[in-house]
Amino acid sequence: MITGIGLDVIEVERVAEKIEKEQGFRELVFAPQEIDYCEPKAHKHEHYAARFAAKEALFKALGTGWASGTSFNEIIILGNDLGKPEINFMGETAETLKHLDLSKIKLSLSHLKNIAAAVVVIES
């Protein structure tokens, strides 16, 4: 049974400007593993924007908005061995969201030159 659906769409340029102009934004929002993944990419801001959208979509699917006890940089969006994007948690966020079965969270990412999007579906 589906218990939550979240969708987020964001302009890549918005995320790019924050990363390039606001000192510390990248580290505040993205986990070190995500930064290591995105930085070497030719179109790195598209990859950052897709991950930002995924985090927003997750909170929408949870129905909580940005929940107390969670940090954006403790939500990790990385591909598995086949490249399928997956959500993982660490730190205080992992403790706050420990009731979630990660295998029941489905994630899809998409990005183009100007737009990034993510959909999260949570099953019970």
PDB file of N, CA and C in Angstrom:
ATOM      1  N   MET A   1       0.840  -1.176   0.000  1.00  0.00           N
ATOM      2  CA  MET A   1       0.000   0.000   0.000  1.00  0.00           C
ATOM      3  C   MET A   1       0.893   1.249   0.000  1.00  0.00           C
ATOM      4  N   ILE A   2       0.537   2.204  -0.815  1.00  0.00           N
ATOM      5  CA  ILE A   2       1.277   3.469  -0.871  1.00  0.00           C
ATOM      6  C   ILE A   2       0.817   4.357   0.282  1.00  0.00           C
ATOM      7  N   THR A   3       1.790   4.832   1.064  1.00  0.00           N
ATOM      8  CA  THR A   3       1.458   5.699   2.197  1.00  0.00           C
ATOM      9  C   THR A   3       1.879   7.144   1.977  1.00  0.00           C
ATOM     10  N   GLY A   4       2.682   7.393   0.928  1.00  0.00           N
ATOM     11  CA  GLY A   4       3.088   8.767   0.649  1.00  0.00           C
ATOM     12  C   GLY A   4       3.709   8.907  -0.724  1.00  0.00           C
ATOM     13  N   ILE A   5       3.425  10.029  -1.364  1.00  0.00           N
ATOM     14  CA  ILE A   5       4.022  10.370  -2.659  1.00  0.00           C
ATOM     15  C   ILE A   5       4.505  11.807  -2.569  1.00  0.00           C
ATOM     16  N   GLY A   6       5.719  12.036  -3.028  1.00  0.00           N
ATOM     17  CA  GLY A   6       6.267  13.390  -3.056  1.00  0.00           C
ATOM     18  C   GLY A   6       6.900  13.674  -4.400  1.00  0.00           C
ATOM     19  N   LEU A   7       6.707  14.871  -4.892  1.00  0.00           N
ATOM     20  CA  LEU A   7       7.283  15.316  -6.161  1.00  0.00           C
ATOM     21  C   LEU A   7       7.903  16.681  -5.938  1.00  0.00           C
ATOM     22  N   ASP A   8       9.104  16.884  -6.475  1.00  0.00           N
ATOM     23  CA  ASP A   8       9.717  18.202  -6.423  1.00  0.00           C
ATOM     24  C   ASP A   8      10.406  18.476  -7.749  1.00  0.00           C
ATOM     25  N   VAL A   9      10.265  19.694  -8.221  1.00  0.00           N
ATOM     26  CA  VAL A   9      10.903  20.166  -9.449  1.00  0.00           C
ATOM     27  C   VAL A   9      11.627  21.455  -9.097  1.00  0.00           C
ATOM     28  N   ILE A  10      12.868  21.584  -9.549  1.00  0.00           N
ATOM     29  CA  ILE A  10      13.652  22.769  -9.217  1.00  0.00           C
ATOM     30  C   ILE A  10      14.477  23.206 -10.416  1.00  0.00           C
ATOM     31  N   GLU A  11      14.692  24.506 -10.505  1.00  0.00           N
ATOM     32  CA  GLU A  11      15.571  25.040 -11.542  1.00  0.00           C
ATOM     33  C   GLU A  11      17.019  24.755 -11.153  1.00  0.00           C
ATOM     34  N   VAL A  12      17.774  24.181 -12.067  1.00  0.00           N
ATOM     35  CA  VAL A  12      19.179  23.856 -11.812  1.00  0.00           C
ATOM     36  C   VAL A  12      19.955  25.118 -11.447  1.00  0.00           C
ATOM     37  N   GLU A  13      19.677  26.219 -12.113  1.00  0.00           N
ATOM     38  CA  GLU A  13      20.411  27.466 -11.877  1.00  0.00           C
ATOM     39  C   GLU A  13      20.267  27.948 -10.433  1.00  0.00           C
ATOM     40  N   ARG A  14      19.103  27.726  -9.838  1.00  0.00           N
ATOM     41  CA  ARG A  14      18.890  28.130  -8.443  1.00  0.00           C
ATOM     42  C   ARG A  14      19.858  27.417  -7.503  1.00  0.00           C
ATOM     43  N   VAL A  15      20.009  26.133  -7.711  1.00  0.00           N
ATOM     44  CA  VAL A  15      20.932  25.351  -6.886  1.00  0.00           C
ATOM     45  C   VAL A  15      22.372  25.741  -7.208  1.00  0.00           C
ATOM     46  N   ALA A  16      22.680  25.921  -8.482  1.00  0.00           N
ATOM     47  CA  ALA A  16      24.038  26.305  -8.895  1.00  0.00           C
ATOM     48  C   ALA A  16      24.453  27.623  -8.244  1.00  0.00           C
ATOM     49  N   GLU A  17      23.563  28.600  -8.243  1.00  0.00           N
ATOM     50  CA  GLU A  17      23.874  29.901  -7.636  1.00  0.00           C
ATOM     51  C   GLU A  17      24.140  29.766  -6.139  1.00  0.00           C
ATOM     52  N   LYS A  18      23.324  28.976  -5.458  1.00  0.00           N
ATOM     53  CA  LYS A  18      23.516  28.772  -4.014  1.00  0.00           C
ATOM     54  C   LYS A  18      24.875  28.123  -3.743  1.00  0.00           C
ATOM     55  N   ILE A  19      25.213  27.108  -4.520  1.00  0.00           N
ATOM     56  CA  ILE A  19      26.486  26.403  -4.320  1.00  0.00           C
ATOM     57  C   ILE A  19      27.663  27.334  -4.573  1.00  0.00           C
ATOM     58  N   GLU A  20      27.584  28.116  -5.646  1.00  0.00           N
ATOM     59  CA  GLU A  20      28.716  28.954  -6.042  1.00  0.00           C
ATOM     60  C   GLU A  20      28.838  30.240  -5.226  1.00  0.00           C
ATOM     61  N   LYS A  21      27.721  30.770  -4.724  1.00  0.00           N
ATOM     62  CA  LYS A  21      27.751  32.087  -4.077  1.00  0.00           C
ATOM     63  C   LYS A  21      27.615  32.064  -2.561  1.00  0.00           C
ATOM     64  N   GLU A  22      27.014  31.019  -2.011  1.00  0.00           N
ATOM     65  CA  GLU A  22      26.794  30.970  -0.561  1.00  0.00           C
ATOM     66  C   GLU A  22      27.770  29.990   0.075  1.00  0.00           C
ATOM     67  N   GLN A  23      28.744  30.534   0.752  1.00  0.00           N
ATOM     68  CA  GLN A  23      29.762  29.708   1.389  1.00  0.00           C
ATOM     69  C   GLN A  23      29.116  28.743   2.381  1.00  0.00           C
ATOM     70  N   GLY A  24      29.449  27.475   2.269  1.00  0.00           N
ATOM     71  CA  GLY A  24      28.944  26.463   3.180  1.00  0.00           C
ATOM     72  C   GLY A  24      27.631  25.827   2.777  1.00  0.00           C
ATOM     73  N   PHE A  25      26.947  26.373   1.756  1.00  0.00           N
ATOM     74  CA  PHE A  25      25.655  25.809   1.348  1.00  0.00           C
ATOM     75  C   PHE A  25      25.801  24.346   0.936  1.00  0.00           C
ATOM     76  N   ARG A  26      26.802  24.071   0.112  1.00  0.00           N
ATOM     77  CA  ARG A  26      26.989  22.708  -0.397  1.00  0.00           C
ATOM     78  C   ARG A  26      27.136  21.717   0.761  1.00  0.00           C
ATOM     79  N   GLU A  27      27.960  22.042   1.742  1.00  0.00           N
ATOM     80  CA  GLU A  27      28.197  21.140   2.864  1.00  0.00           C
ATOM     81  C   GLU A  27      27.000  21.060   3.810  1.00  0.00           C
ATOM     82  N   LEU A  28      26.193  22.099   3.856  1.00  0.00           N
ATOM     83  CA  LEU A  28      24.999  22.107   4.697  1.00  0.00           C
ATOM     84  C   LEU A  28      23.910  21.194   4.132  1.00  0.00           C
ATOM     85  N   VAL A  29      23.832  21.119   2.807  1.00  0.00           N
ATOM     86  CA  VAL A  29      22.743  20.406   2.143  1.00  0.00           C
ATOM     87  C   VAL A  29      23.132  19.001   1.679  1.00  0.00           C
ATOM     88  N   PHE A  30      24.386  18.805   1.303  1.00  0.00           N
ATOM     89  CA  PHE A  30      24.794  17.540   0.693  1.00  0.00           C
ATOM     90  C   PHE A  30      25.807  16.791   1.559  1.00  0.00           C
ATOM     91  N   ALA A  31      25.640  15.478   1.631  1.00  0.00           N
ATOM     92  CA  ALA A  31      26.568  14.611   2.361  1.00  0.00           C
ATOM     93  C   ALA A  31      27.892  14.534   1.603  1.00  0.00           C
ATOM     94  N   PRO A  32      28.985  14.259   2.304  1.00  0.00           N
ATOM     95  CA  PRO A  32      30.282  14.136   1.626  1.00  0.00           C
ATOM     96  C   PRO A  32      30.262  13.147   0.454  1.00  0.00           C
ATOM     97  N   GLN A  33      29.519  12.051   0.595  1.00  0.00           N
ATOM     98  CA  GLN A  33      29.436  11.061  -0.482  1.00  0.00           C
ATOM     99  C   GLN A  33      28.768  11.651  -1.724  1.00  0.00           C
ATOM    100  N   GLU A  34      27.758  12.503  -1.520  1.00  0.00           N
ATOM    101  CA  GLU A  34      27.078  13.143  -2.650  1.00  0.00           C
ATOM    102  C   GLU A  34      28.003  14.142  -3.332  1.00  0.00           C
ATOM    103  N   ILE A  35      28.748  14.892  -2.539  1.00  0.00           N
ATOM    104  CA  ILE A  35      29.697  15.863  -3.089  1.00  0.00           C
ATOM    105  C   ILE A  35      30.754  15.129  -3.910  1.00  0.00           C
ATOM    106  N   ASP A  36      31.268  14.024  -3.376  1.00  0.00           N
ATOM    107  CA  ASP A  36      32.259  13.227  -4.109  1.00  0.00           C
ATOM    108  C   ASP A  36      31.696  12.703  -5.423  1.00  0.00           C
ATOM    109  N   TYR A  37      30.401  12.394  -5.447  1.00  0.00           N
ATOM    110  CA  TYR A  37      29.759  11.913  -6.671  1.00  0.00           C
ATOM    111  C   TYR A  37      29.551  13.050  -7.675  1.00  0.00           C
ATOM    112  N   CYS A  38      29.046  14.178  -7.214  1.00  0.00           N
ATOM    113  CA  CYS A  38      28.653  15.270  -8.114  1.00  0.00           C
ATOM    114  C   CYS A  38      29.826  16.076  -8.664  1.00  0.00           C
ATOM    115  N   GLU A  39      30.819  16.357  -7.846  1.00  0.00           N
ATOM    116  CA  GLU A  39      31.896  17.277  -8.241  1.00  0.00           C
ATOM    117  C   GLU A  39      32.604  16.908  -9.544  1.00  0.00           C
ATOM    118  N   PRO A  40      32.951  15.645  -9.784  1.00  0.00           N
ATOM    119  CA  PRO A  40      33.672  15.344 -11.031  1.00  0.00           C
ATOM    120  C   PRO A  40      32.789  15.325 -12.284  1.00  0.00           C
ATOM    121  N   LYS A  41      31.480  15.420 -12.122  1.00  0.00           N
ATOM    122  CA  LYS A  41      30.569  15.356 -13.266  1.00  0.00           C
ATOM    123  C   LYS A  41      30.688  16.605 -14.135  1.00  0.00           C
ATOM    124  N   ALA A  42      30.553  16.416 -15.442  1.00  0.00           N
ATOM    125  CA  ALA A  42      30.608  17.541 -16.382  1.00  0.00           C
ATOM    126  C   ALA A  42      29.485  18.540 -16.106  1.00  0.00           C
ATOM    127  N   HIS A  43      28.320  18.054 -15.750  1.00  0.00           N
ATOM    128  CA  HIS A  43      27.157  18.908 -15.458  1.00  0.00           C
ATOM    129  C   HIS A  43      26.779  18.727 -13.987  1.00  0.00           C
ATOM    130  N   LYS A  44      27.729  19.035 -13.119  1.00  0.00           N
ATOM    131  CA  LYS A  44      27.573  18.737 -11.695  1.00  0.00           C
ATOM    132  C   LYS A  44      26.360  19.397 -11.061  1.00  0.00           C
ATOM    133  N   HIS A  45      26.007  20.597 -11.509  1.00  0.00           N
ATOM    134  CA  HIS A  45      24.878  21.285 -10.873  1.00  0.00           C
ATOM    135  C   HIS A  45      23.552  20.577 -11.151  1.00  0.00           C
ATOM    136  N   GLU A  46      23.435  19.901 -12.291  1.00  0.00           N
ATOM    137  CA  GLU A  46      22.238  19.106 -12.565  1.00  0.00           C
ATOM    138  C   GLU A  46      22.124  17.969 -11.551  1.00  0.00           C
ATOM    139  N   HIS A  47      23.238  17.337 -11.239  1.00  0.00           N
ATOM    140  CA  HIS A  47      23.244  16.223 -10.291  1.00  0.00           C
ATOM    141  C   HIS A  47      22.951  16.707  -8.870  1.00  0.00           C
ATOM    142  N   TYR A  48      23.534  17.847  -8.503  1.00  0.00           N
ATOM    143  CA  TYR A  48      23.218  18.432  -7.191  1.00  0.00           C
ATOM    144  C   TYR A  48      21.727  18.780  -7.113  1.00  0.00           C
ATOM    145  N   ALA A  49      21.200  19.398  -8.152  1.00  0.00           N
ATOM    146  CA  ALA A  49      19.793  19.818  -8.147  1.00  0.00           C
ATOM    147  C   ALA A  49      18.859  18.617  -8.035  1.00  0.00           C
ATOM    148  N   ALA A  50      19.178  17.528  -8.725  1.00  0.00           N
ATOM    149  CA  ALA A  50      18.341  16.325  -8.643  1.00  0.00           C
ATOM    150  C   ALA A  50      18.334  15.775  -7.217  1.00  0.00           C
ATOM    151  N   ARG A  51      19.471  15.804  -6.553  1.00  0.00           N
ATOM    152  CA  ARG A  51      19.542  15.323  -5.175  1.00  0.00           C
ATOM    153  C   ARG A  51      18.799  16.247  -4.214  1.00  0.00           C
ATOM    154  N   PHE A  52      18.884  17.539  -4.452  1.00  0.00           N
ATOM    155  CA  PHE A  52      18.120  18.492  -3.647  1.00  0.00           C
ATOM    156  C   PHE A  52      16.621  18.221  -3.815  1.00  0.00           C
ATOM    157  N   ALA A  53      16.190  18.036  -5.063  1.00  0.00           N
ATOM    158  CA  ALA A  53      14.779  17.748  -5.334  1.00  0.00           C
ATOM    159  C   ALA A  53      14.348  16.454  -4.648  1.00  0.00           C
ATOM    160  N   ALA A  54      15.219  15.455  -4.614  1.00  0.00           N
ATOM    161  CA  ALA A  54      14.884  14.182  -3.968  1.00  0.00           C
ATOM    162  C   ALA A  54      14.640  14.366  -2.473  1.00  0.00           C
ATOM    163  N   LYS A  55      15.444  15.191  -1.837  1.00  0.00           N
ATOM    164  CA  LYS A  55      15.288  15.434  -0.400  1.00  0.00           C
ATOM    165  C   LYS A  55      13.973  16.168  -0.120  1.00  0.00           C
ATOM    166  N   GLU A  56      13.656  17.146  -0.955  1.00  0.00           N
ATOM    167  CA  GLU A  56      12.377  17.859  -0.823  1.00  0.00           C
ATOM    168  C   GLU A  56      11.207  16.902  -1.067  1.00  0.00           C
ATOM    169  N   ALA A  57      11.316  16.062  -2.089  1.00  0.00           N
ATOM    170  CA  ALA A  57      10.249  15.108  -2.406  1.00  0.00           C
ATOM    171  C   ALA A  57      10.050  14.112  -1.266  1.00  0.00           C
ATOM    172  N   LEU A  58      11.137  13.718  -0.610  1.00  0.00           N
ATOM    173  CA  LEU A  58      11.030  12.802   0.529  1.00  0.00           C
ATOM    174  C   LEU A  58      10.179  13.416   1.635  1.00  0.00           C
ATOM    175  N   PHE A  59      10.452  14.671   1.983  1.00  0.00           N
ATOM    176  CA  PHE A  59       9.677  15.310   3.047  1.00  0.00           C
ATOM    177  C   PHE A  59       8.211  15.467   2.648  1.00  0.00           C
ATOM    178  N   LYS A  60       7.963  15.714   1.375  1.00  0.00           N
ATOM    179  CA  LYS A  60       6.576  15.794   0.907  1.00  0.00           C
ATOM    180  C   LYS A  60       5.897  14.433   1.023  1.00  0.00           C
ATOM    181  N   ALA A  61       6.612  13.369   0.672  1.00  0.00           N
ATOM    182  CA  ALA A  61       6.042  12.023   0.773  1.00  0.00           C
ATOM    183  C   ALA A  61       5.765  11.646   2.226  1.00  0.00           C
ATOM    184  N   LEU A  62       6.628  12.093   3.127  1.00  0.00           N
ATOM    185  CA  LEU A  62       6.415  11.827   4.556  1.00  0.00           C
ATOM    186  C   LEU A  62       5.233  12.615   5.107  1.00  0.00           C
ATOM    187  N   GLY A  63       4.895  13.721   4.437  1.00  0.00           N
ATOM    188  CA  GLY A  63       3.795  14.561   4.890  1.00  0.00           C
ATOM    189  C   GLY A  63       4.155  15.440   6.069  1.00  0.00           C
ATOM    190  N   THR A  64       5.460  15.584   6.345  1.00  0.00           N
ATOM    191  CA  THR A  64       5.894  16.339   7.517  1.00  0.00           C
ATOM    192  C   THR A  64       6.509  17.683   7.175  1.00  0.00           C
ATOM    193  N   GLY A  65       6.844  17.898   5.910  1.00  0.00           N
ATOM    194  CA  GLY A  65       7.713  19.020   5.610  1.00  0.00           C
ATOM    195  C   GLY A  65       9.074  18.698   6.195  1.00  0.00           C
ATOM    196  N   TRP A  66       9.941  19.682   6.264  1.00  0.00           N
ATOM    197  CA  TRP A  66      11.273  19.459   6.820  1.00  0.00           C
ATOM    198  C   TRP A  66      11.117  19.180   8.304  1.00  0.00           C
ATOM    199  N   ALA A  67      11.281  17.940   8.692  1.00  0.00           N
ATOM    200  CA  ALA A  67      10.987  17.494  10.053  1.00  0.00           C
ATOM    201  C   ALA A  67      12.094  17.867  11.027  1.00  0.00           C
ATOM    202  N   SER A  68      11.700  18.185  12.238  1.00  0.00           N
ATOM    203  CA  SER A  68      12.652  18.421  13.318  1.00  0.00           C
ATOM    204  C   SER A  68      13.459  17.147  13.534  1.00  0.00           C
ATOM    205  N   GLY A  69      14.746  17.303  13.800  1.00  0.00           N
ATOM    206  CA  GLY A  69      15.601  16.138  14.000  1.00  0.00           C
ATOM    207  C   GLY A  69      16.171  15.581  12.718  1.00  0.00           C
ATOM    208  N   THR A  70      15.998  16.319  11.626  1.00  0.00           N
ATOM    209  CA  THR A  70      16.553  15.882  10.347  1.00  0.00           C
ATOM    210  C   THR A  70      17.435  16.982   9.767  1.00  0.00           C
ATOM    211  N   SER A  71      18.436  16.565   9.030  1.00  0.00           N
ATOM    212  CA  SER A  71      19.331  17.496   8.346  1.00  0.00           C
ATOM    213  C   SER A  71      19.478  17.056   6.899  1.00  0.00           C
ATOM    214  N   PHE A  72      19.444  18.014   5.998  1.00  0.00           N
ATOM    215  CA  PHE A  72      19.560  17.684   4.583  1.00  0.00           C
ATOM    216  C   PHE A  72      20.833  16.891   4.295  1.00  0.00           C
ATOM    217  N   ASN A  73      21.945  17.252   4.938  1.00  0.00           N
ATOM    218  CA  ASN A  73      23.201  16.573   4.621  1.00  0.00           C
ATOM    219  C   ASN A  73      23.321  15.200   5.288  1.00  0.00           C
ATOM    220  N   GLU A  74      22.291  14.778   6.009  1.00  0.00           N
ATOM    221  CA  GLU A  74      22.245  13.426   6.563  1.00  0.00           C
ATOM    222  C   GLU A  74      21.303  12.524   5.772  1.00  0.00           C
ATOM    223  N   ILE A  75      20.761  13.057   4.690  1.00  0.00           N
ATOM    224  CA  ILE A  75      19.966  12.275   3.746  1.00  0.00           C
ATOM    225  C   ILE A  75      20.855  12.106   2.519  1.00  0.00           C
ATOM    226  N   ILE A  76      21.179  10.868   2.197  1.00  0.00           N
ATOM    227  CA  ILE A  76      22.161  10.596   1.150  1.00  0.00           C
ATOM    228  C   ILE A  76      21.472   9.968  -0.051  1.00  0.00           C
ATOM    229  N   ILE A  77      21.634  10.612  -1.205  1.00  0.00           N
ATOM    230  CA  ILE A  77      21.066  10.119  -2.454  1.00  0.00           C
ATOM    231  C   ILE A  77      22.220   9.664  -3.340  1.00  0.00           C
ATOM    232  N   LEU A  78      22.337   8.355  -3.514  1.00  0.00           N
ATOM    233  CA  LEU A  78      23.381   7.788  -4.365  1.00  0.00           C
ATOM    234  C   LEU A  78      22.806   6.633  -5.162  1.00  0.00           C
ATOM    235  N   GLY A  79      23.460   6.303  -6.255  1.00  0.00           N
ATOM    236  CA  GLY A  79      23.039   5.167  -7.061  1.00  0.00           C
ATOM    237  C   GLY A  79      23.576   3.863  -6.490  1.00  0.00           C
ATOM    238  N   ASN A  80      22.808   2.791  -6.667  1.00  0.00           N
ATOM    239  CA  ASN A  80      23.302   1.476  -6.259  1.00  0.00           C
ATOM    240  C   ASN A  80      24.253   0.948  -7.343  1.00  0.00           C
ATOM    241  N   ASP A  81      24.618  -0.318  -7.267  1.00  0.00           N
ATOM    242  CA  ASP A  81      25.563  -0.894  -8.226  1.00  0.00           C
ATOM    243  C   ASP A  81      25.058  -0.842  -9.668  1.00  0.00           C
ATOM    244  N   LEU A  82      23.745  -0.774  -9.836  1.00  0.00           N
ATOM    245  CA  LEU A  82      23.154  -0.693 -11.174  1.00  0.00           C
ATOM    246  C   LEU A  82      22.855   0.744 -11.590  1.00  0.00           C
ATOM    247  N   GLY A  83      23.135   1.701 -10.706  1.00  0.00           N
ATOM    248  CA  GLY A  83      22.874   3.108 -11.001  1.00  0.00           C
ATOM    249  C   GLY A  83      21.516   3.604 -10.542  1.00  0.00           C
ATOM    250  N   LYS A  84      20.689   2.710  -9.991  1.00  0.00           N
ATOM    251  CA  LYS A  84      19.360   3.102  -9.508  1.00  0.00           C
ATOM    252  C   LYS A  84      19.521   3.984  -8.273  1.00  0.00           C
ATOM    253  N   PRO A  85      18.917   5.180  -8.263  1.00  0.00           N
ATOM    254  CA  PRO A  85      19.064   6.058  -7.098  1.00  0.00           C
ATOM    255  C   PRO A  85      18.356   5.492  -5.869  1.00  0.00           C
ATOM    256  N   GLU A  86      19.031   5.635  -4.736  1.00  0.00           N
ATOM    257  CA  GLU A  86      18.479   5.158  -3.472  1.00  0.00           C
ATOM    258  C   GLU A  86      18.680   6.219  -2.398  1.00  0.00           C
ATOM    259  N   ILE A  87      17.814   6.166  -1.385  1.00  0.00           N
ATOM    260  CA  ILE A  87      17.891   7.088  -0.252  1.00  0.00           C
ATOM    261  C   ILE A  87      18.433   6.329   0.956  1.00  0.00           C
ATOM    262  N   ASN A  88      19.396   6.938   1.630  1.00  0.00           N
ATOM    263  CA  ASN A  88      19.914   6.416   2.892  1.00  0.00           C
ATOM    264  C   ASN A  88      19.995   7.566   3.887  1.00  0.00           C
ATOM    265  N   PHE A  89      20.017   7.223   5.160  1.00  0.00           N
ATOM    266  CA  PHE A  89      20.093   8.221   6.220  1.00  0.00           C
ATOM    267  C   PHE A  89      21.306   7.949   7.097  1.00  0.00           C
ATOM    268  N   MET A  90      21.827   9.006   7.728  1.00  0.00           N
ATOM    269  CA  MET A  90      22.889   8.847   8.718  1.00  0.00           C
ATOM    270  C   MET A  90      22.635   9.822   9.865  1.00  0.00           C
ATOM    271  N   GLY A  91      23.397   9.664  10.934  1.00  0.00           N
ATOM    272  CA  GLY A  91      23.340  10.595  12.051  1.00  0.00           C
ATOM    273  C   GLY A  91      21.980  10.673  12.719  1.00  0.00           C
ATOM    274  N   GLU A  92      21.656  11.881  13.199  1.00  0.00           N
ATOM    275  CA  GLU A  92      20.390  12.120  13.895  1.00  0.00           C
ATOM    276  C   GLU A  92      19.194  11.858  12.986  1.00  0.00           C
ATOM    277  N   THR A  93      19.351  12.127  11.700  1.00  0.00           N
ATOM    278  CA  THR A  93      18.262  11.880  10.750  1.00  0.00           C
ATOM    279  C   THR A  93      17.928  10.391  10.701  1.00  0.00           C
ATOM    280  N   ALA A  94      18.947   9.527  10.730  1.00  0.00           N
ATOM    281  CA  ALA A  94      18.712   8.078  10.735  1.00  0.00           C
ATOM    282  C   ALA A  94      17.914   7.673  11.973  1.00  0.00           C
ATOM    283  N   GLU A  95      18.226   8.280  13.108  1.00  0.00           N
ATOM    284  CA  GLU A  95      17.504   7.968  14.345  1.00  0.00           C
ATOM    285  C   GLU A  95      16.056   8.469  14.265  1.00  0.00           C
ATOM    286  N   THR A  96      15.871   9.685  13.767  1.00  0.00           N
ATOM    287  CA  THR A  96      14.530  10.270  13.664  1.00  0.00           C
ATOM    288  C   THR A  96      13.636   9.470  12.720  1.00  0.00           C
ATOM    289  N   LEU A  97      14.217   8.972  11.632  1.00  0.00           N
ATOM    290  CA  LEU A  97      13.432   8.279  10.602  1.00  0.00           C
ATOM    291  C   LEU A  97      13.626   6.766  10.641  1.00  0.00           C
ATOM    292  N   LYS A  98      14.054   6.224  11.786  1.00  0.00           N
ATOM    293  CA  LYS A  98      14.341   4.792  11.879  1.00  0.00           C
ATOM    294  C   LYS A  98      13.107   3.918  11.653  1.00  0.00           C
ATOM    295  N   HIS A  99      11.930   4.489  11.784  1.00  0.00           N
ATOM    296  CA  HIS A  99      10.703   3.729  11.558  1.00  0.00           C
ATOM    297  C   HIS A  99      10.478   3.414  10.079  1.00  0.00           C
ATOM    298  N   LEU A 100      11.213   4.073   9.192  1.00  0.00           N
ATOM    299  CA  LEU A 100      11.038   3.837   7.758  1.00  0.00           C
ATOM    300  C   LEU A 100      11.854   2.632   7.306  1.00  0.00           C
ATOM    301  N   ASP A 101      11.240   1.777   6.518  1.00  0.00           N
ATOM    302  CA  ASP A 101      11.937   0.656   5.886  1.00  0.00           C
ATOM    303  C   ASP A 101      12.474   1.178   4.557  1.00  0.00           C
ATOM    304  N   LEU A 102      13.799   1.332   4.470  1.00  0.00           N
ATOM    305  CA  LEU A 102      14.397   1.933   3.272  1.00  0.00           C
ATOM    306  C   LEU A 102      14.053   1.164   2.001  1.00  0.00           C
ATOM    307  N   SER A 103      13.800  -0.133   2.108  1.00  0.00           N
ATOM    308  CA  SER A 103      13.444  -0.908   0.914  1.00  0.00           C
ATOM    309  C   SER A 103      12.054  -0.543   0.402  1.00  0.00           C
ATOM    310  N   LYS A 104      11.283   0.165   1.220  1.00  0.00           N
ATOM    311  CA  LYS A 104       9.928   0.575   0.828  1.00  0.00           C
ATOM    312  C   LYS A 104       9.878   2.005   0.290  1.00  0.00           C
ATOM    313  N   ILE A 105      11.037   2.653   0.187  1.00  0.00           N
ATOM    314  CA  ILE A 105      11.099   4.009  -0.365  1.00  0.00           C
ATOM    315  C   ILE A 105      11.602   3.916  -1.798  1.00  0.00           C
ATOM    316  N   LYS A 106      10.789   4.337  -2.729  1.00  0.00           N
ATOM    317  CA  LYS A 106      11.139   4.309  -4.150  1.00  0.00           C
ATOM    318  C   LYS A 106      11.454   5.727  -4.597  1.00  0.00           C
ATOM    319  N   LEU A 107      12.511   5.867  -5.406  1.00  0.00           N
ATOM    320  CA  LEU A 107      12.981   7.181  -5.833  1.00  0.00           C
ATOM    321  C   LEU A 107      13.271   7.175  -7.318  1.00  0.00           C
ATOM    322  N   SER A 108      12.846   8.221  -7.991  1.00  0.00           N
ATOM    323  CA  SER A 108      13.196   8.433  -9.394  1.00  0.00           C
ATOM    324  C   SER A 108      13.695   9.862  -9.550  1.00  0.00           C
ATOM    325  N   LEU A 109      14.817  10.019 -10.250  1.00  0.00           N
ATOM    326  CA  LEU A 109      15.415  11.331 -10.507  1.00  0.00           C
ATOM    327  C   LEU A 109      15.438  11.597 -12.001  1.00  0.00           C
ATOM    328  N   SER A 110      15.349  12.871 -12.351  1.00  0.00           N
ATOM    329  CA  SER A 110      15.517  13.275 -13.743  1.00  0.00           C
ATOM    330  C   SER A 110      16.101  14.675 -13.762  1.00  0.00           C
ATOM    331  N   HIS A 111      16.953  14.931 -14.744  1.00  0.00           N
ATOM    332  CA  HIS A 111      17.486  16.290 -14.870  1.00  0.00           C
ATOM    333  C   HIS A 111      17.860  16.574 -16.313  1.00  0.00           C
ATOM    334  N   LEU A 112      17.658  17.827 -16.660  1.00  0.00           N
ATOM    335  CA  LEU A 112      18.031  18.368 -17.960  1.00  0.00           C
ATOM    336  C   LEU A 112      18.925  19.562 -17.689  1.00  0.00           C
ATOM    337  N   LYS A 113      19.228  20.308 -18.705  1.00  0.00           N
ATOM    338  CA  LYS A 113      20.093  21.473 -18.549  1.00  0.00           C
ATOM    339  C   LYS A 113      19.544  22.471 -17.523  1.00  0.00           C
ATOM    340  N   ASN A 114      18.243  22.716 -17.544  1.00  0.00           N
ATOM    341  CA  ASN A 114      17.654  23.772 -16.718  1.00  0.00           C
ATOM    342  C   ASN A 114      16.815  23.290 -15.540  1.00  0.00           C
ATOM    343  N   ILE A 115      16.341  22.053 -15.587  1.00  0.00           N
ATOM    344  CA  ILE A 115      15.365  21.568 -14.610  1.00  0.00           C
ATOM    345  C   ILE A 115      15.806  20.219 -14.043  1.00  0.00           C
ATOM    346  N   ALA A 116      15.577  20.036 -12.752  1.00  0.00           N
ATOM    347  CA  ALA A 116      15.776  18.730 -12.110  1.00  0.00           C
ATOM    348  C   ALA A 116      14.489  18.374 -11.378  1.00  0.00           C
ATOM    349  N   ALA A 117      14.199  17.086 -11.320  1.00  0.00           N
ATOM    350  CA  ALA A 117      12.971  16.637 -10.672  1.00  0.00           C
ATOM    351  C   ALA A 117      13.217  15.320  -9.949  1.00  0.00           C
ATOM    352  N   ALA A 118      12.387  15.071  -8.940  1.00  0.00           N
ATOM    353  CA  ALA A 118      12.447  13.810  -8.207  1.00  0.00           C
ATOM    354  C   ALA A 118      11.050  13.427  -7.747  1.00  0.00           C
ATOM    355  N   VAL A 119      10.804  12.126  -7.741  1.00  0.00           N
ATOM    356  CA  VAL A 119       9.564  11.568  -7.208  1.00  0.00           C
ATOM    357  C   VAL A 119       9.949  10.531  -6.161  1.00  0.00           C
ATOM    358  N   VAL A 120       9.287  10.597  -5.013  1.00  0.00           N
ATOM    359  CA  VAL A 120       9.478   9.610  -3.952  1.00  0.00           C
ATOM    360  C   VAL A 120       8.127   8.972  -3.656  1.00  0.00           C
ATOM    361  N   VAL A 121       8.114   7.647  -3.601  1.00  0.00           N
ATOM    362  CA  VAL A 121       6.928   6.892  -3.209  1.00  0.00           C
ATOM    363  C   VAL A 121       7.316   6.058  -1.992  1.00  0.00           C
ATOM    364  N   ILE A 122       6.505   6.153  -0.946  1.00  0.00           N
ATOM    365  CA  ILE A 122       6.735   5.363   0.266  1.00  0.00           C
ATOM    366  C   ILE A 122       5.612   4.340   0.383  1.00  0.00           C
ATOM    367  N   GLU A 123       6.013   3.079   0.548  1.00  0.00           N
ATOM    368  CA  GLU A 123       5.058   1.991   0.712  1.00  0.00           C
ATOM    369  C   GLU A 123       5.079   1.508   2.158  1.00  0.00           C
ATOM    370  N   SER A 124       3.969   0.921   2.576  1.00  0.00           N
ATOM    371  CA  SER A 124       3.932   0.354   3.936  1.00  0.00           C
ATOM    372  C   SER A 124       4.226  -1.127   3.879  1.00  0.00           C
TER     373      SER A 124
END
